[in-house]
Amino acid sequence: MWERTYKEWKGRGVEFVGIGLLDSKERSADFVRRHGLSFPNGFDPDGRIARAYGFGYQPYWAVIDREGRLVSSGFGPRSEQELVAAVRAVTAR
């Protein structure tokens, strides 16, 4: 769902970024490879990004606008329709 939505919206005013929070850097990279994710992914070794946006668990998703404000967020995989609605809301701003 994430990869499909990323490919659909790529270049249309939205970016997708994955951030590994609780696993090791190696396990996070393995997850990206296993799931064939092509959008940028990183690792948050000291939890700085997680604290800035209130992430405390995974999988956690967030839609952050161009000014860095948290627009929408949630725990776990959501439906593709919810993800697309959140992306549409942030790109309409």
Protein backbone atom coordinates (compact mmCIF):
# COMPACT_ATOMS: atom_id res chain seq x y z
CA MET A 1 0.00 0.00 0.00
CA TRP A 2 2.74 2.51 0.96
CA GLU A 3 4.91 1.81 -2.06
CA ARG A 4 1.94 1.87 -4.43
CA THR A 5 0.69 5.19 -3.02
CA TYR A 6 4.20 6.64 -3.10
CA LYS A 7 4.59 5.78 -6.77
CA GLU A 8 1.17 7.24 -7.56
CA TRP A 9 1.92 10.56 -5.82
CA LYS A 10 5.64 10.89 -6.54
CA GLY A 11 6.43 14.31 -7.99
CA ARG A 12 3.01 15.73 -7.07
CA GLY A 13 3.93 17.83 -4.05
CA VAL A 14 4.29 15.08 -1.46
CA GLU A 15 7.26 13.07 -0.20
CA PHE A 16 7.30 9.75 1.58
CA VAL A 17 10.05 9.00 4.09
CA GLY A 18 10.41 5.89 6.21
CA ILE A 19 12.16 6.08 9.57
CA GLY A 20 13.26 3.05 11.57
CA LEU A 21 12.64 3.75 15.26
CA LEU A 22 12.94 0.73 17.50
CA ASP A 23 14.89 -1.86 15.56
CA SER A 24 18.56 -1.81 14.76
CA LYS A 25 19.78 0.00 11.67
CA GLU A 26 20.42 -3.36 10.03
CA ARG A 27 16.90 -4.67 10.75
CA SER A 28 15.40 -1.44 9.44
CA ALA A 29 17.41 -1.73 6.21
CA ASP A 30 16.37 -5.38 5.90
CA PHE A 31 12.69 -4.37 6.22
CA VAL A 32 13.13 -1.85 3.38
CA ARG A 33 14.76 -4.49 1.15
CA ARG A 34 12.23 -7.21 1.99
CA HIS A 35 9.29 -4.97 1.14
CA GLY A 36 10.87 -3.37 -1.92
CA LEU A 37 10.44 0.20 -0.67
CA SER A 38 11.88 2.74 -3.08
CA PHE A 39 11.05 5.93 -1.16
CA PRO A 40 13.77 7.34 1.12
CA ASN A 41 14.24 5.50 4.39
CA GLY A 42 16.45 6.27 7.34
CA PHE A 43 17.07 5.37 10.93
CA ASP A 44 16.48 7.40 14.10
CA PRO A 45 19.21 6.03 16.40
CA ASP A 46 18.74 8.48 19.27
CA GLY A 47 14.95 8.91 18.95
CA ARG A 48 15.17 12.62 18.16
CA ILE A 49 12.70 12.46 15.26
CA ALA A 50 10.36 10.19 17.21
CA ARG A 51 10.26 12.65 20.12
CA ALA A 52 9.76 15.67 17.85
CA TYR A 53 6.55 14.20 16.42
CA GLY A 54 5.40 12.05 19.34
CA PHE A 55 6.17 8.66 17.80
CA GLY A 56 6.46 6.04 20.51
CA TYR A 57 5.87 2.78 18.73
CA GLN A 58 5.88 1.21 15.31
CA PRO A 59 4.53 0.95 12.80
CA TYR A 60 3.56 4.60 13.06
CA TRP A 61 2.65 6.82 10.15
CA ALA A 62 2.40 10.56 9.92
CA VAL A 63 1.55 13.18 7.33
CA ILE A 64 3.66 16.28 7.88
CA ASP A 65 3.05 19.44 5.87
CA ARG A 66 5.65 21.64 4.16
CA GLU A 67 6.06 23.72 7.31
CA GLY A 68 6.86 20.62 9.37
CA ARG A 69 3.48 20.48 11.13
CA LEU A 70 1.92 17.15 11.92
CA VAL A 71 -1.32 16.97 9.90
CA SER A 72 -2.45 13.40 10.48
CA SER A 73 -0.99 10.33 12.15
CA GLY A 74 -1.81 6.89 13.43
CA PHE A 75 -0.57 3.53 14.57
CA GLY A 76 -0.24 0.55 12.32
CA PRO A 77 -1.13 0.01 8.72
CA ARG A 78 -4.25 1.83 7.65
CA SER A 79 -6.31 1.35 4.57
CA GLU A 80 -5.02 2.68 1.30
CA GLN A 81 -8.09 4.92 1.12
CA GLU A 82 -7.16 6.59 4.43
CA LEU A 83 -3.58 7.08 3.29
CA VAL A 84 -4.66 8.64 0.00
CA ALA A 85 -7.15 10.92 1.81
CA ALA A 86 -4.37 12.14 4.14
CA VAL A 87 -2.04 12.75 1.20
CA ARG A 88 -4.75 14.65 -0.67
CA ALA A 89 -5.42 16.81 2.38
CA VAL A 90 -1.78 17.85 2.72
CA THR A 91 -1.26 18.48 -1.00
CA ALA A 92 -4.41 20.66 -1.15
CA ARG A 93 -2.85 23.18 1.27
